[in-house]
N, C-alpha and C. Protein backbone atom coordinates (compact mmCIF):
# COMPACT_ATOMS: atom_id res chain seq x y z
N MET A 1 0.84 -1.18 0.00
CA MET A 1 0.00 0.00 0.00
C MET A 1 0.89 1.24 0.00
N LEU A 2 0.54 2.20 -0.85
CA LEU A 2 1.28 3.45 -0.94
C LEU A 2 0.49 4.52 -0.19
N ASP A 3 1.08 5.00 0.90
CA ASP A 3 0.41 5.97 1.77
C ASP A 3 1.26 7.24 1.81
N ILE A 4 0.84 8.25 1.03
CA ILE A 4 1.61 9.50 0.91
C ILE A 4 0.70 10.67 1.27
N SER A 5 1.29 11.67 1.90
CA SER A 5 0.59 12.95 2.07
C SER A 5 1.56 14.07 1.70
N VAL A 6 1.00 15.20 1.30
CA VAL A 6 1.81 16.36 0.95
C VAL A 6 1.37 17.55 1.80
N THR A 7 2.33 18.34 2.21
CA THR A 7 2.05 19.55 2.96
C THR A 7 2.44 20.73 2.10
N ILE A 8 1.49 21.64 1.94
CA ILE A 8 1.69 22.82 1.10
C ILE A 8 1.77 24.05 2.00
N LYS A 9 2.88 24.77 1.91
CA LYS A 9 3.04 26.02 2.64
C LYS A 9 2.91 27.15 1.63
N ARG A 10 1.99 28.05 1.89
CA ARG A 10 1.74 29.16 0.96
C ARG A 10 2.58 30.39 1.35
N LYS A 11 2.71 31.28 0.40
CA LYS A 11 3.48 32.50 0.62
C LYS A 11 2.86 33.39 1.69
N ASP A 12 1.54 33.23 1.94
CA ASP A 12 0.89 34.02 2.98
C ASP A 12 1.08 33.42 4.38
N GLY A 13 1.83 32.31 4.47
CA GLY A 13 2.14 31.69 5.75
C GLY A 13 1.21 30.55 6.15
N THR A 14 0.11 30.36 5.45
CA THR A 14 -0.79 29.26 5.78
C THR A 14 -0.21 27.95 5.27
N GLN A 15 -0.70 26.87 5.86
CA GLN A 15 -0.18 25.55 5.53
C GLN A 15 -1.30 24.53 5.62
N GLU A 16 -1.33 23.58 4.68
CA GLU A 16 -2.33 22.52 4.68
C GLU A 16 -1.69 21.21 4.24
N THR A 17 -2.22 20.11 4.76
CA THR A 17 -1.75 18.78 4.38
C THR A 17 -2.88 18.03 3.70
N PHE A 18 -2.55 17.35 2.61
CA PHE A 18 -3.53 16.59 1.83
C PHE A 18 -3.03 15.18 1.61
N PRO A 19 -3.90 14.18 1.73
CA PRO A 19 -3.51 12.83 1.35
C PRO A 19 -3.42 12.72 -0.17
N VAL A 20 -2.54 11.86 -0.63
CA VAL A 20 -2.40 11.62 -2.07
C VAL A 20 -3.11 10.30 -2.36
N TYR A 21 -4.37 10.40 -2.75
CA TYR A 21 -5.19 9.22 -3.02
C TYR A 21 -4.89 8.67 -4.41
N ALA A 22 -5.50 7.53 -4.71
CA ALA A 22 -5.26 6.82 -5.97
C ALA A 22 -5.48 7.70 -7.19
N ASP A 23 -6.52 8.55 -7.18
CA ASP A 23 -6.78 9.39 -8.36
C ASP A 23 -5.61 10.34 -8.64
N SER A 24 -5.02 10.87 -7.59
CA SER A 24 -3.86 11.75 -7.76
C SER A 24 -2.62 10.97 -8.16
N GLN A 25 -2.44 9.79 -7.59
CA GLN A 25 -1.29 8.95 -7.92
C GLN A 25 -1.31 8.57 -9.40
N ILE A 26 -2.46 8.13 -9.89
CA ILE A 26 -2.58 7.72 -11.29
C ILE A 26 -2.39 8.91 -12.23
N ALA A 27 -3.03 10.04 -11.89
CA ALA A 27 -2.89 11.24 -12.73
C ALA A 27 -1.43 11.68 -12.78
N PHE A 28 -0.73 11.59 -11.65
CA PHE A 28 0.69 11.95 -11.63
C PHE A 28 1.49 11.04 -12.55
N GLU A 29 1.29 9.73 -12.42
CA GLU A 29 2.06 8.78 -13.23
C GLU A 29 1.79 8.96 -14.72
N ARG A 30 0.57 9.29 -15.07
CA ARG A 30 0.26 9.55 -16.49
C ARG A 30 0.95 10.82 -16.97
N TRP A 31 0.98 11.85 -16.14
CA TRP A 31 1.63 13.11 -16.48
C TRP A 31 3.15 12.93 -16.58
N ALA A 32 3.74 12.28 -15.57
CA ALA A 32 5.19 12.14 -15.49
C ALA A 32 5.72 11.00 -16.37
N LYS A 33 4.84 10.09 -16.76
CA LYS A 33 5.22 8.92 -17.56
C LYS A 33 6.27 8.06 -16.84
N VAL A 34 6.14 8.03 -15.50
CA VAL A 34 7.01 7.22 -14.65
C VAL A 34 6.25 6.95 -13.35
N SER A 35 6.59 5.89 -12.67
CA SER A 35 5.92 5.57 -11.41
C SER A 35 6.29 6.61 -10.34
N ILE A 36 5.44 6.72 -9.34
CA ILE A 36 5.74 7.64 -8.23
C ILE A 36 7.02 7.20 -7.54
N SER A 37 7.18 5.91 -7.35
CA SER A 37 8.40 5.40 -6.70
C SER A 37 9.65 5.85 -7.45
N ALA A 38 9.63 5.73 -8.76
CA ALA A 38 10.79 6.13 -9.56
C ALA A 38 10.96 7.65 -9.56
N ALA A 39 9.85 8.38 -9.60
CA ALA A 39 9.92 9.85 -9.64
C ALA A 39 10.54 10.44 -8.38
N PHE A 40 10.34 9.77 -7.23
CA PHE A 40 10.83 10.32 -5.97
C PHE A 40 11.97 9.50 -5.36
N ASP A 41 12.60 8.66 -6.17
CA ASP A 41 13.76 7.90 -5.72
C ASP A 41 14.91 8.87 -5.49
N PRO A 42 15.43 8.97 -4.26
CA PRO A 42 16.51 9.92 -3.98
C PRO A 42 17.76 9.70 -4.83
N ASN A 43 17.98 8.47 -5.28
CA ASN A 43 19.14 8.18 -6.12
C ASN A 43 18.92 8.59 -7.57
N GLY A 44 17.65 8.89 -7.92
CA GLY A 44 17.33 9.26 -9.29
C GLY A 44 17.25 10.75 -9.52
N LYS A 45 17.64 11.55 -8.54
CA LYS A 45 17.60 13.01 -8.64
C LYS A 45 16.21 13.51 -9.02
N PRO A 46 15.26 13.39 -8.09
CA PRO A 46 13.88 13.80 -8.39
C PRO A 46 13.77 15.29 -8.72
N LYS A 47 12.87 15.61 -9.63
CA LYS A 47 12.64 17.01 -10.01
C LYS A 47 11.66 17.65 -9.03
N MET A 48 11.93 18.87 -8.64
CA MET A 48 11.03 19.59 -7.74
C MET A 48 9.65 19.78 -8.38
N GLU A 49 9.64 20.00 -9.70
CA GLU A 49 8.34 20.18 -10.37
C GLU A 49 7.44 18.98 -10.13
N SER A 50 8.01 17.79 -10.06
CA SER A 50 7.20 16.59 -9.82
C SER A 50 6.52 16.65 -8.47
N LEU A 51 7.24 17.07 -7.44
CA LEU A 51 6.65 17.18 -6.11
C LEU A 51 5.55 18.24 -6.07
N TYR A 52 5.80 19.38 -6.68
CA TYR A 52 4.80 20.44 -6.71
C TYR A 52 3.56 20.01 -7.51
N TYR A 53 3.77 19.30 -8.60
CA TYR A 53 2.65 18.84 -9.41
C TYR A 53 1.81 17.82 -8.64
N LEU A 54 2.47 16.92 -7.91
CA LEU A 54 1.75 15.94 -7.11
C LEU A 54 0.94 16.65 -6.02
N ALA A 55 1.51 17.68 -5.40
CA ALA A 55 0.79 18.45 -4.38
C ALA A 55 -0.43 19.15 -4.99
N TRP A 56 -0.24 19.73 -6.16
CA TRP A 56 -1.36 20.39 -6.85
C TRP A 56 -2.47 19.38 -7.14
N LEU A 57 -2.12 18.21 -7.63
CA LEU A 57 -3.12 17.18 -7.90
C LEU A 57 -3.87 16.78 -6.64
N ALA A 58 -3.13 16.59 -5.55
CA ALA A 58 -3.76 16.19 -4.29
C ALA A 58 -4.75 17.25 -3.81
N GLU A 59 -4.35 18.52 -3.87
CA GLU A 59 -5.26 19.59 -3.45
C GLU A 59 -6.42 19.72 -4.43
N LYS A 60 -6.14 19.66 -5.71
CA LYS A 60 -7.19 19.76 -6.73
C LYS A 60 -8.21 18.64 -6.59
N ASN A 61 -7.73 17.41 -6.41
CA ASN A 61 -8.63 16.27 -6.31
C ASN A 61 -9.38 16.23 -4.98
N SER A 62 -8.96 17.04 -4.02
CA SER A 62 -9.70 17.16 -2.76
C SER A 62 -10.92 18.06 -2.95
N GLY A 63 -10.97 18.76 -4.10
CA GLY A 63 -12.07 19.68 -4.38
C GLY A 63 -11.83 21.08 -3.87
N LYS A 64 -10.64 21.33 -3.36
CA LYS A 64 -10.35 22.62 -2.74
C LYS A 64 -9.96 23.72 -3.72
N ILE A 65 -9.33 23.38 -4.85
CA ILE A 65 -8.88 24.41 -5.79
C ILE A 65 -9.40 24.15 -7.19
N THR A 66 -9.43 25.21 -7.95
CA THR A 66 -9.82 25.09 -9.36
C THR A 66 -8.80 25.77 -10.28
N LYS A 67 -7.77 26.35 -9.70
CA LYS A 67 -6.76 27.04 -10.51
C LYS A 67 -5.92 26.04 -11.28
N VAL A 68 -5.47 26.46 -12.45
CA VAL A 68 -4.53 25.64 -13.21
C VAL A 68 -3.18 25.67 -12.49
N PHE A 69 -2.36 24.68 -12.76
CA PHE A 69 -1.09 24.53 -12.05
C PHE A 69 -0.25 25.79 -12.08
N ASP A 70 -0.07 26.41 -13.23
CA ASP A 70 0.81 27.57 -13.35
C ASP A 70 0.32 28.78 -12.57
N GLU A 71 -0.96 28.88 -12.30
CA GLU A 71 -1.49 29.95 -11.45
C GLU A 71 -1.37 29.58 -9.98
N TRP A 72 -1.65 28.32 -9.67
CA TRP A 72 -1.58 27.82 -8.29
C TRP A 72 -0.17 27.97 -7.73
N ILE A 73 0.84 27.62 -8.53
CA ILE A 73 2.22 27.59 -8.06
C ILE A 73 2.71 28.98 -7.64
N LYS A 74 2.13 30.02 -8.18
CA LYS A 74 2.54 31.39 -7.84
C LYS A 74 2.27 31.72 -6.38
N GLU A 75 1.35 30.98 -5.74
CA GLU A 75 0.98 31.24 -4.34
C GLU A 75 1.70 30.32 -3.36
N VAL A 76 2.51 29.39 -3.86
CA VAL A 76 3.13 28.37 -3.02
C VAL A 76 4.56 28.75 -2.66
N ALA A 77 4.89 28.60 -1.38
CA ALA A 77 6.26 28.87 -0.90
C ALA A 77 7.09 27.57 -0.89
N ALA A 78 6.47 26.47 -0.48
CA ALA A 78 7.20 25.21 -0.37
C ALA A 78 6.22 24.05 -0.29
N VAL A 79 6.71 22.86 -0.62
CA VAL A 79 5.92 21.64 -0.51
C VAL A 79 6.81 20.55 0.07
N GLY A 80 6.25 19.76 0.97
CA GLY A 80 6.94 18.61 1.51
C GLY A 80 6.06 17.38 1.38
N HIS A 81 6.66 16.21 1.47
CA HIS A 81 5.86 14.99 1.42
C HIS A 81 6.28 14.04 2.54
N GLU A 82 5.34 13.22 2.94
CA GLU A 82 5.60 12.24 3.99
C GLU A 82 5.05 10.91 3.52
N ASP A 83 5.82 9.88 3.79
CA ASP A 83 5.37 8.52 3.53
C ASP A 83 4.75 7.99 4.81
N GLY A 84 3.58 7.37 4.66
CA GLY A 84 2.89 6.82 5.81
C GLY A 84 3.46 5.47 6.23
N PRO A 85 2.85 4.86 7.23
CA PRO A 85 3.35 3.60 7.78
C PRO A 85 3.26 2.43 6.80
N GLY A 86 2.45 2.56 5.75
CA GLY A 86 2.31 1.47 4.79
C GLY A 86 3.45 1.40 3.78
N ASN A 87 4.43 2.29 3.88
CA ASN A 87 5.51 2.35 2.88
C ASN A 87 6.81 1.81 3.42
């Protein structure tokens, strides 16, 4: 089981955490054309854009945002991810 969450810190100082459910995982893999495991392998030099895109998908699929990625990213200061106990 893949249990991931992302925390989004905005430029205004607010912060929210979202689970990365199956819909976001699949959408990410289709966009990146690589598995999540491969995309975030520390030995594979993961791209920051991949992490931000996954965070955008998680927030978007939660129903919280409607902005396109390029508009959403302008409000973001940082993104982090955590692997849950199932990983």
